[in-house]
Amino acid sequence: MHEAKTHLSRLVREAVAGDPFIIARSGKPLVKVVSVESPGPGAVQRTGFMRGRISVPDDFDSMGADEILKTFKGGE
Protein backbone atom coordinates (compact mmCIF):
# COMPACT_ATOMS: atom_id res chain seq x y z
CA MET A 1 0.00 0.00 0.00
CA HIS A 2 2.81 2.40 0.92
CA GLU A 3 4.60 1.77 -2.39
CA ALA A 4 1.39 2.48 -4.33
CA LYS A 5 0.99 5.81 -2.51
CA THR A 6 4.61 6.74 -3.13
CA HIS A 7 4.69 5.77 -6.82
CA LEU A 8 1.05 6.24 -7.83
CA SER A 9 1.75 8.49 -10.85
CA ARG A 10 4.26 6.04 -12.34
CA LEU A 11 2.06 3.02 -11.61
CA VAL A 12 -0.95 4.66 -13.26
CA ARG A 13 1.15 5.51 -16.36
CA GLU A 14 2.24 1.87 -16.55
CA ALA A 15 -1.36 0.64 -16.14
CA VAL A 16 -2.50 2.93 -18.96
CA ALA A 17 0.33 1.51 -21.10
CA GLY A 18 -1.06 -1.99 -20.53
CA ASP A 19 0.78 -3.12 -17.40
CA PRO A 20 -1.83 -3.44 -14.62
CA PHE A 21 -0.81 -3.68 -10.98
CA ILE A 22 -2.22 -5.06 -7.74
CA ILE A 23 -2.37 -3.17 -4.45
CA ALA A 24 -1.98 -5.34 -1.37
CA ARG A 25 -2.03 -4.79 2.39
CA SER A 26 0.02 -7.09 4.60
CA GLY A 27 0.69 -9.33 1.60
CA LYS A 28 -3.03 -9.79 0.86
CA PRO A 29 -4.12 -8.56 -2.61
CA LEU A 30 -6.91 -5.98 -2.35
CA VAL A 31 -7.43 -4.36 -5.76
CA LYS A 32 -6.17 -4.64 -9.32
CA VAL A 33 -5.65 -1.38 -11.20
CA VAL A 34 -6.09 -1.58 -14.98
CA SER A 35 -6.59 0.98 -17.70
CA VAL A 36 -10.20 1.91 -18.40
CA GLU A 37 -9.44 1.27 -22.08
CA SER A 38 -8.21 -2.29 -21.46
CA PRO A 39 -10.39 -5.12 -22.77
CA GLY A 40 -12.70 -6.64 -20.18
CA PRO A 41 -12.47 -10.23 -18.99
CA GLY A 42 -13.19 -12.63 -21.80
CA ALA A 43 -12.81 -9.92 -24.45
CA VAL A 44 -9.33 -11.07 -25.47
CA GLN A 45 -9.52 -13.53 -28.35
CA ARG A 46 -6.80 -16.15 -28.01
CA THR A 47 -7.84 -18.67 -30.64
CA GLY A 48 -8.02 -17.69 -34.24
CA PHE A 49 -5.94 -14.54 -33.84
CA MET A 50 -3.71 -15.58 -36.79
CA ARG A 51 -6.68 -16.36 -39.06
CA GLY A 52 -5.85 -15.31 -42.61
CA ARG A 53 -2.15 -14.81 -41.83
CA ILE A 54 -0.99 -18.41 -41.89
CA SER A 55 -2.05 -21.54 -43.69
CA VAL A 56 -1.94 -25.13 -42.49
CA PRO A 57 -0.99 -27.76 -45.07
CA ASP A 58 -3.58 -30.47 -45.80
CA ASP A 59 -1.12 -33.17 -44.72
CA PHE A 60 -0.31 -31.45 -41.40
CA ASP A 61 -1.38 -34.46 -39.31
CA SER A 62 0.94 -36.81 -41.18
CA MET A 63 3.92 -34.51 -41.78
CA GLY A 64 7.13 -36.24 -40.73
CA ALA A 65 5.33 -39.46 -39.80
CA ASP A 66 8.03 -41.66 -41.36
CA GLU A 67 10.82 -39.90 -39.49
CA ILE A 68 8.90 -40.05 -36.22
CA LEU A 69 8.19 -43.74 -36.68
CA LYS A 70 11.87 -44.43 -37.36
CA THR A 71 12.84 -42.51 -34.24
CA PHE A 72 10.57 -44.55 -31.99
CA LYS A 73 11.24 -47.89 -33.62
CA GLY A 74 14.99 -47.30 -33.88
CA GLY A 75 14.93 -47.65 -37.65
CA GLU A 76 17.69 -46.89 -40.08
PDB file of N, CA and C in Angstrom:
ATOM      1  N   MET A   1       0.828  -1.178   0.000  1.00  0.00           N
ATOM      2  CA  MET A   1       0.000   0.000   0.000  1.00  0.00           C
ATOM      3  C   MET A   1       0.879   1.251   0.000  1.00  0.00           C
ATOM      4  N   HIS A   2       1.918   1.239   0.833  1.00  0.00           N
ATOM      5  CA  HIS A   2       2.808   2.401   0.920  1.00  0.00           C
ATOM      6  C   HIS A   2       3.488   2.665  -0.430  1.00  0.00           C
ATOM      7  N   GLU A   3       3.942   1.604  -1.087  1.00  0.00           N
ATOM      8  CA  GLU A   3       4.605   1.766  -2.387  1.00  0.00           C
ATOM      9  C   GLU A   3       3.639   2.362  -3.414  1.00  0.00           C
ATOM     10  N   ALA A   4       2.386   1.941  -3.393  1.00  0.00           N
ATOM     11  CA  ALA A   4       1.393   2.477  -4.328  1.00  0.00           C
ATOM     12  C   ALA A   4       1.194   3.971  -4.085  1.00  0.00           C
ATOM     13  N   LYS A   5       1.142   4.387  -2.818  1.00  0.00           N
ATOM     14  CA  LYS A   5       0.994   5.811  -2.507  1.00  0.00           C
ATOM     15  C   LYS A   5       2.202   6.598  -2.994  1.00  0.00           C
ATOM     16  N   THR A   6       3.374   6.053  -2.779  1.00  0.00           N
ATOM     17  CA  THR A   6       4.611   6.738  -3.131  1.00  0.00           C
ATOM     18  C   THR A   6       4.801   6.856  -4.636  1.00  0.00           C
ATOM     19  N   HIS A   7       4.418   5.823  -5.375  1.00  0.00           N
ATOM     20  CA  HIS A   7       4.692   5.766  -6.818  1.00  0.00           C
ATOM     21  C   HIS A   7       3.418   5.758  -7.663  1.00  0.00           C
ATOM     22  N   LEU A   8       2.343   6.336  -7.155  1.00  0.00           N
ATOM     23  CA  LEU A   8       1.055   6.241  -7.834  1.00  0.00           C
ATOM     24  C   LEU A   8       1.097   6.773  -9.268  1.00  0.00           C
ATOM     25  N   SER A   9       1.710   7.913  -9.495  1.00  0.00           N
ATOM     26  CA  SER A   9       1.754   8.495 -10.849  1.00  0.00           C
ATOM     27  C   SER A   9       2.410   7.536 -11.834  1.00  0.00           C
ATOM     28  N   ARG A  10       3.544   6.965 -11.451  1.00  0.00           N
ATOM     29  CA  ARG A  10       4.257   6.039 -12.338  1.00  0.00           C
ATOM     30  C   ARG A  10       3.443   4.770 -12.551  1.00  0.00           C
ATOM     31  N   LEU A  11       2.851   4.240 -11.502  1.00  0.00           N
ATOM     32  CA  LEU A  11       2.062   3.018 -11.612  1.00  0.00           C
ATOM     33  C   LEU A  11       0.851   3.223 -12.515  1.00  0.00           C
ATOM     34  N   VAL A  12       0.202   4.384 -12.404  1.00  0.00           N
ATOM     35  CA  VAL A  12      -0.953   4.664 -13.261  1.00  0.00           C
ATOM     36  C   VAL A  12      -0.504   4.773 -14.717  1.00  0.00           C
ATOM     37  N   ARG A  13       0.621   5.435 -14.984  1.00  0.00           N
ATOM     38  CA  ARG A  13       1.147   5.513 -16.361  1.00  0.00           C
ATOM     39  C   ARG A  13       1.391   4.123 -16.915  1.00  0.00           C
ATOM     40  N   GLU A  14       1.967   3.239 -16.111  1.00  0.00           N
ATOM     41  CA  GLU A  14       2.238   1.871 -16.549  1.00  0.00           C
ATOM     42  C   GLU A  14       0.935   1.105 -16.794  1.00  0.00           C
ATOM     43  N   ALA A  15      -0.065   1.314 -15.953  1.00  0.00           N
ATOM     44  CA  ALA A  15      -1.360   0.639 -16.136  1.00  0.00           C
ATOM     45  C   ALA A  15      -2.009   1.096 -17.434  1.00  0.00           C
ATOM     46  N   VAL A  16      -1.937   2.395 -17.719  1.00  0.00           N
ATOM     47  CA  VAL A  16      -2.497   2.932 -18.958  1.00  0.00           C
ATOM     48  C   VAL A  16      -1.766   2.352 -20.162  1.00  0.00           C
ATOM     49  N   ALA A  17      -0.471   2.090 -20.010  1.00  0.00           N
ATOM     50  CA  ALA A  17       0.335   1.514 -21.095  1.00  0.00           C
ATOM     51  C   ALA A  17       0.108   0.018 -21.244  1.00  0.00           C
ATOM     52  N   GLY A  18      -0.744  -0.570 -20.396  1.00  0.00           N
ATOM     53  CA  GLY A  18      -1.065  -1.992 -20.535  1.00  0.00           C
ATOM     54  C   GLY A  18      -0.441  -2.895 -19.496  1.00  0.00           C
ATOM     55  N   ASP A  19       0.143  -2.321 -18.447  1.00  0.00           N
ATOM     56  CA  ASP A  19       0.779  -3.119 -17.400  1.00  0.00           C
ATOM     57  C   ASP A  19       0.041  -2.901 -16.082  1.00  0.00           C
ATOM     58  N   PRO A  20      -1.047  -3.639 -15.841  1.00  0.00           N
ATOM     59  CA  PRO A  20      -1.832  -3.439 -14.619  1.00  0.00           C
ATOM     60  C   PRO A  20      -1.033  -3.814 -13.371  1.00  0.00           C
ATOM     61  N   PHE A  21      -1.492  -3.334 -12.228  1.00  0.00           N
ATOM     62  CA  PHE A  21      -0.814  -3.676 -10.978  1.00  0.00           C
ATOM     63  C   PHE A  21      -1.833  -3.981  -9.894  1.00  0.00           C
ATOM     64  N   ILE A  22      -1.360  -4.659  -8.855  1.00  0.00           N
ATOM     65  CA  ILE A  22      -2.222  -5.057  -7.740  1.00  0.00           C
ATOM     66  C   ILE A  22      -1.742  -4.343  -6.487  1.00  0.00           C
ATOM     67  N   ILE A  23      -2.688  -3.794  -5.726  1.00  0.00           N
ATOM     68  CA  ILE A  23      -2.368  -3.169  -4.446  1.00  0.00           C
ATOM     69  C   ILE A  23      -2.736  -4.162  -3.355  1.00  0.00           C
ATOM     70  N   ALA A  24      -1.776  -4.375  -2.453  1.00  0.00           N
ATOM     71  CA  ALA A  24      -1.977  -5.336  -1.369  1.00  0.00           C
ATOM     72  C   ALA A  24      -1.711  -4.671  -0.024  1.00  0.00           C
ATOM     73  N   ARG A  25      -2.304  -5.231   1.019  1.00  0.00           N
ATOM     74  CA  ARG A  25      -2.029  -4.794   2.388  1.00  0.00           C
ATOM     75  C   ARG A  25      -1.643  -6.035   3.180  1.00  0.00           C
ATOM     76  N   SER A  26      -0.504  -5.970   3.818  1.00  0.00           N
ATOM     77  CA  SER A  26       0.020  -7.094   4.601  1.00  0.00           C
ATOM     78  C   SER A  26       0.124  -8.354   3.751  1.00  0.00           C
ATOM     79  N   GLY A  27       0.505  -8.190   2.491  1.00  0.00           N
ATOM     80  CA  GLY A  27       0.686  -9.328   1.599  1.00  0.00           C
ATOM     81  C   GLY A  27      -0.599  -9.881   1.023  1.00  0.00           C
ATOM     82  N   LYS A  28      -1.747  -9.300   1.371  1.00  0.00           N
ATOM     83  CA  LYS A  28      -3.026  -9.788   0.859  1.00  0.00           C
ATOM     84  C   LYS A  28      -3.508  -8.863  -0.265  1.00  0.00           C
ATOM     85  N   PRO A  29      -3.664  -9.388  -1.487  1.00  0.00           N
ATOM     86  CA  PRO A  29      -4.122  -8.557  -2.607  1.00  0.00           C
ATOM     87  C   PRO A  29      -5.500  -7.964  -2.319  1.00  0.00           C
ATOM     88  N   LEU A  30      -5.639  -6.655  -2.590  1.00  0.00           N
ATOM     89  CA  LEU A  30      -6.909  -5.980  -2.347  1.00  0.00           C
ATOM     90  C   LEU A  30      -7.596  -5.543  -3.635  1.00  0.00           C
ATOM     91  N   VAL A  31      -6.848  -4.867  -4.520  1.00  0.00           N
ATOM     92  CA  VAL A  31      -7.429  -4.361  -5.762  1.00  0.00           C
ATOM     93  C   VAL A  31      -6.434  -4.524  -6.908  1.00  0.00           C
ATOM     94  N   LYS A  32      -6.988  -4.605  -8.117  1.00  0.00           N
ATOM     95  CA  LYS A  32      -6.173  -4.640  -9.319  1.00  0.00           C
ATOM     96  C   LYS A  32      -6.495  -3.374 -10.094  1.00  0.00           C
ATOM     97  N   VAL A  33      -5.459  -2.623 -10.462  1.00  0.00           N
ATOM     98  CA  VAL A  33      -5.654  -1.385 -11.201  1.00  0.00           C
ATOM     99  C   VAL A  33      -5.293  -1.636 -12.657  1.00  0.00           C
ATOM    100  N   VAL A  34      -6.284  -1.402 -13.545  1.00  0.00           N
ATOM    101  CA  VAL A  34      -6.088  -1.579 -14.985  1.00  0.00           C
ATOM    102  C   VAL A  34      -6.587  -0.331 -15.695  1.00  0.00           C
ATOM    103  N   SER A  35      -6.138  -0.139 -16.897  1.00  0.00           N
ATOM    104  CA  SER A  35      -6.591   0.982 -17.705  1.00  0.00           C
ATOM    105  C   SER A  35      -8.078   0.835 -18.022  1.00  0.00           C
ATOM    106  N   VAL A  36      -8.785   1.927 -18.049  1.00  0.00           N
ATOM    107  CA  VAL A  36     -10.201   1.910 -18.402  1.00  0.00           C
ATOM    108  C   VAL A  36     -10.367   1.408 -19.832  1.00  0.00           C
ATOM    109  N   GLU A  37      -9.386   1.663 -20.681  1.00  0.00           N
ATOM    110  CA  GLU A  37      -9.438   1.269 -22.079  1.00  0.00           C
ATOM    111  C   GLU A  37      -9.073  -0.194 -22.307  1.00  0.00           C
ATOM    112  N   SER A  38      -8.622  -0.901 -21.275  1.00  0.00           N
ATOM    113  CA  SER A  38      -8.209  -2.289 -21.461  1.00  0.00           C
ATOM    114  C   SER A  38      -9.436  -3.163 -21.716  1.00  0.00           C
ATOM    115  N   PRO A  39      -9.252  -4.236 -22.504  1.00  0.00           N
ATOM    116  CA  PRO A  39     -10.389  -5.121 -22.768  1.00  0.00           C
ATOM    117  C   PRO A  39     -10.851  -5.802 -21.480  1.00  0.00           C
ATOM    118  N   GLY A  40     -12.146  -5.997 -21.368  1.00  0.00           N
ATOM    119  CA  GLY A  40     -12.701  -6.638 -20.178  1.00  0.00           C
ATOM    120  C   GLY A  40     -12.402  -8.125 -20.169  1.00  0.00           C
ATOM    121  N   PRO A  41     -12.702  -8.782 -19.070  1.00  0.00           N
ATOM    122  CA  PRO A  41     -12.473 -10.227 -18.986  1.00  0.00           C
ATOM    123  C   PRO A  41     -13.234 -10.955 -20.092  1.00  0.00           C
ATOM    124  N   GLY A  42     -12.568 -11.856 -20.739  1.00  0.00           N
ATOM    125  CA  GLY A  42     -13.192 -12.630 -21.800  1.00  0.00           C
ATOM    126  C   GLY A  42     -13.208 -11.931 -23.149  1.00  0.00           C
ATOM    127  N   ALA A  43     -12.785 -10.666 -23.196  1.00  0.00           N
ATOM    128  CA  ALA A  43     -12.806  -9.923 -24.453  1.00  0.00           C
ATOM    129  C   ALA A  43     -11.588 -10.230 -25.326  1.00  0.00           C
ATOM    130  N   VAL A  44     -10.544 -10.771 -24.718  1.00  0.00           N
ATOM    131  CA  VAL A  44      -9.334 -11.073 -25.474  1.00  0.00           C
ATOM    132  C   VAL A  44      -9.540 -12.379 -26.227  1.00  0.00           C
ATOM    133  N   GLN A  45      -9.351 -12.323 -27.528  1.00  0.00           N
ATOM    134  CA  GLN A  45      -9.517 -13.528 -28.354  1.00  0.00           C
ATOM    135  C   GLN A  45      -8.167 -14.221 -28.477  1.00  0.00           C
ATOM    136  N   ARG A  46      -8.063 -15.425 -27.967  1.00  0.00           N
ATOM    137  CA  ARG A  46      -6.796 -16.147 -28.005  1.00  0.00           C
ATOM    138  C   ARG A  46      -6.734 -17.119 -29.179  1.00  0.00           C
ATOM    139  N   THR A  47      -7.849 -17.735 -29.518  1.00  0.00           N
ATOM    140  CA  THR A  47      -7.842 -18.666 -30.636  1.00  0.00           C
ATOM    141  C   THR A  47      -8.281 -17.940 -31.895  1.00  0.00           C
ATOM    142  N   GLY A  48      -7.650 -18.273 -32.967  1.00  0.00           N
ATOM    143  CA  GLY A  48      -8.020 -17.692 -34.238  1.00  0.00           C
ATOM    144  C   GLY A  48      -7.416 -16.333 -34.508  1.00  0.00           C
ATOM    145  N   PHE A  49      -6.489 -15.871 -33.655  1.00  0.00           N
ATOM    146  CA  PHE A  49      -5.943 -14.537 -33.843  1.00  0.00           C
ATOM    147  C   PHE A  49      -5.020 -14.444 -35.061  1.00  0.00           C
ATOM    148  N   MET A  50      -4.562 -15.582 -35.596  1.00  0.00           N
ATOM    149  CA  MET A  50      -3.713 -15.584 -36.786  1.00  0.00           C
ATOM    150  C   MET A  50      -4.507 -15.955 -38.041  1.00  0.00           C
ATOM    151  N   ARG A  51      -5.816 -16.003 -37.937  1.00  0.00           N
ATOM    152  CA  ARG A  51      -6.678 -16.362 -39.064  1.00  0.00           C
ATOM    153  C   ARG A  51      -6.378 -15.446 -40.247  1.00  0.00           C
ATOM    154  N   GLY A  52      -6.133 -16.068 -41.396  1.00  0.00           N
ATOM    155  CA  GLY A  52      -5.851 -15.306 -42.605  1.00  0.00           C
ATOM    156  C   GLY A  52      -4.391 -14.937 -42.778  1.00  0.00           C
ATOM    157  N   ARG A  53      -3.567 -15.156 -41.760  1.00  0.00           N
ATOM    158  CA  ARG A  53      -2.152 -14.807 -41.829  1.00  0.00           C
ATOM    159  C   ARG A  53      -1.266 -16.016 -42.059  1.00  0.00           C
ATOM    160  N   ILE A  54      -1.754 -17.184 -41.690  1.00  0.00           N
ATOM    161  CA  ILE A  54      -0.989 -18.406 -41.891  1.00  0.00           C
ATOM    162  C   ILE A  54      -1.889 -19.439 -42.553  1.00  0.00           C
ATOM    163  N   SER A  55      -1.261 -20.446 -43.125  1.00  0.00           N
ATOM    164  CA  SER A  55      -2.049 -21.538 -43.691  1.00  0.00           C
ATOM    165  C   SER A  55      -1.468 -22.861 -43.191  1.00  0.00           C
ATOM    166  N   VAL A  56      -2.338 -23.811 -42.979  1.00  0.00           N
ATOM    167  CA  VAL A  56      -1.937 -25.128 -42.490  1.00  0.00           C
ATOM    168  C   VAL A  56      -2.050 -26.106 -43.655  1.00  0.00           C
ATOM    169  N   PRO A  57      -0.951 -26.813 -43.959  1.00  0.00           N
ATOM    170  CA  PRO A  57      -0.992 -27.761 -45.069  1.00  0.00           C
ATOM    171  C   PRO A  57      -2.023 -28.868 -44.825  1.00  0.00           C
ATOM    172  N   ASP A  58      -2.586 -29.395 -45.906  1.00  0.00           N
ATOM    173  CA  ASP A  58      -3.582 -30.466 -45.798  1.00  0.00           C
ATOM    174  C   ASP A  58      -3.026 -31.710 -45.120  1.00  0.00           C
ATOM    175  N   ASP A  59      -1.719 -31.960 -45.305  1.00  0.00           N
ATOM    176  CA  ASP A  59      -1.116 -33.166 -44.723  1.00  0.00           C
ATOM    177  C   ASP A  59      -0.463 -32.889 -43.360  1.00  0.00           C
ATOM    178  N   PHE A  60      -0.903 -31.850 -42.677  1.00  0.00           N
ATOM    179  CA  PHE A  60      -0.309 -31.455 -41.404  1.00  0.00           C
ATOM    180  C   PHE A  60      -0.246 -32.606 -40.401  1.00  0.00           C
ATOM    181  N   ASP A  61      -1.314 -33.378 -40.300  1.00  0.00           N
ATOM    182  CA  ASP A  61      -1.378 -34.465 -39.313  1.00  0.00           C
ATOM    183  C   ASP A  61      -0.410 -35.599 -39.610  1.00  0.00           C
ATOM    184  N   SER A  62       0.044 -35.709 -40.841  1.00  0.00           N
ATOM    185  CA  SER A  62       0.939 -36.815 -41.179  1.00  0.00           C
ATOM    186  C   SER A  62       2.346 -36.336 -41.549  1.00  0.00           C
ATOM    187  N   MET A  63       2.589 -35.041 -41.444  1.00  0.00           N
ATOM    188  CA  MET A  63       3.917 -34.514 -41.784  1.00  0.00           C
ATOM    189  C   MET A  63       4.987 -35.138 -40.893  1.00  0.00           C
ATOM    190  N   GLY A  64       6.017 -35.663 -41.485  1.00  0.00           N
ATOM    191  CA  GLY A  64       7.128 -36.239 -40.732  1.00  0.00           C
ATOM    192  C   GLY A  64       6.827 -37.574 -40.089  1.00  0.00           C
ATOM    193  N   ALA A  65       5.728 -38.199 -40.444  1.00  0.00           N
ATOM    194  CA  ALA A  65       5.334 -39.455 -39.801  1.00  0.00           C
ATOM    195  C   ALA A  65       6.386 -40.536 -39.965  1.00  0.00           C
ATOM    196  N   ASP A  66       7.004 -40.636 -41.147  1.00  0.00           N
ATOM    197  CA  ASP A  66       8.030 -41.664 -41.364  1.00  0.00           C
ATOM    198  C   ASP A  66       9.231 -41.443 -40.452  1.00  0.00           C
ATOM    199  N   GLU A  67       9.668 -40.201 -40.344  1.00  0.00           N
ATOM    200  CA  GLU A  67      10.821 -39.904 -39.485  1.00  0.00           C
ATOM    201  C   GLU A  67      10.508 -40.165 -38.014  1.00  0.00           C
ATOM    202  N   ILE A  68       9.303 -39.822 -37.607  1.00  0.00           N
ATOM    203  CA  ILE A  68       8.899 -40.051 -36.217  1.00  0.00           C
ATOM    204  C   ILE A  68       8.838 -41.543 -35.928  1.00  0.00           C
ATOM    205  N   LEU A  69       8.277 -42.300 -36.850  1.00  0.00           N
ATOM    206  CA  LEU A  69       8.187 -43.745 -36.683  1.00  0.00           C
ATOM    207  C   LEU A  69       9.574 -44.352 -36.578  1.00  0.00           C
ATOM    208  N   LYS A  70      10.484 -43.931 -37.409  1.00  0.00           N
ATOM    209  CA  LYS A  70      11.867 -44.429 -37.362  1.00  0.00           C
ATOM    210  C   LYS A  70      12.529 -44.099 -36.028  1.00  0.00           C
ATOM    211  N   THR A  71      12.257 -42.921 -35.526  1.00  0.00           N
ATOM    212  CA  THR A  71      12.841 -42.511 -34.245  1.00  0.00           C
ATOM    213  C   THR A  71      12.373 -43.426 -33.116  1.00  0.00           C
ATOM    214  N   PHE A  72      11.093 -43.729 -33.072  1.00  0.00           N
ATOM    215  CA  PHE A  72      10.570 -44.551 -31.995  1.00  0.00           C
ATOM    216  C   PHE A  72      10.853 -46.022 -32.157  1.00  0.00           C
ATOM    217  N   LYS A  73      10.960 -46.484 -33.390  1.00  0.00           N
ATOM    218  CA  LYS A  73      11.236 -47.891 -33.620  1.00  0.00           C
ATOM    219  C   LYS A  73      12.728 -48.170 -33.761  1.00  0.00           C
ATOM    220  N   GLY A  74      13.543 -47.108 -33.760  1.00  0.00           N
ATOM    221  CA  GLY A  74      14.990 -47.305 -33.882  1.00  0.00           C
ATOM    222  C   GLY A  74      15.392 -47.736 -35.289  1.00  0.00           C
ATOM    223  N   GLY A  75      14.664 -47.271 -36.256  1.00  0.00           N
ATOM    224  CA  GLY A  75      14.933 -47.648 -37.649  1.00  0.00           C
ATOM    225  C   GLY A  75      16.156 -46.972 -38.217  1.00  0.00           C
ATOM    226  N   GLU A  76      16.503 -47.376 -39.407  1.00  0.00           N
ATOM    227  CA  GLU A  76      17.695 -46.894 -40.084  1.00  0.00           C
ATOM    228  C   GLU A  76      17.516 -45.469 -40.492  1.00  0.00           C
TER     229      GLU A  76
END
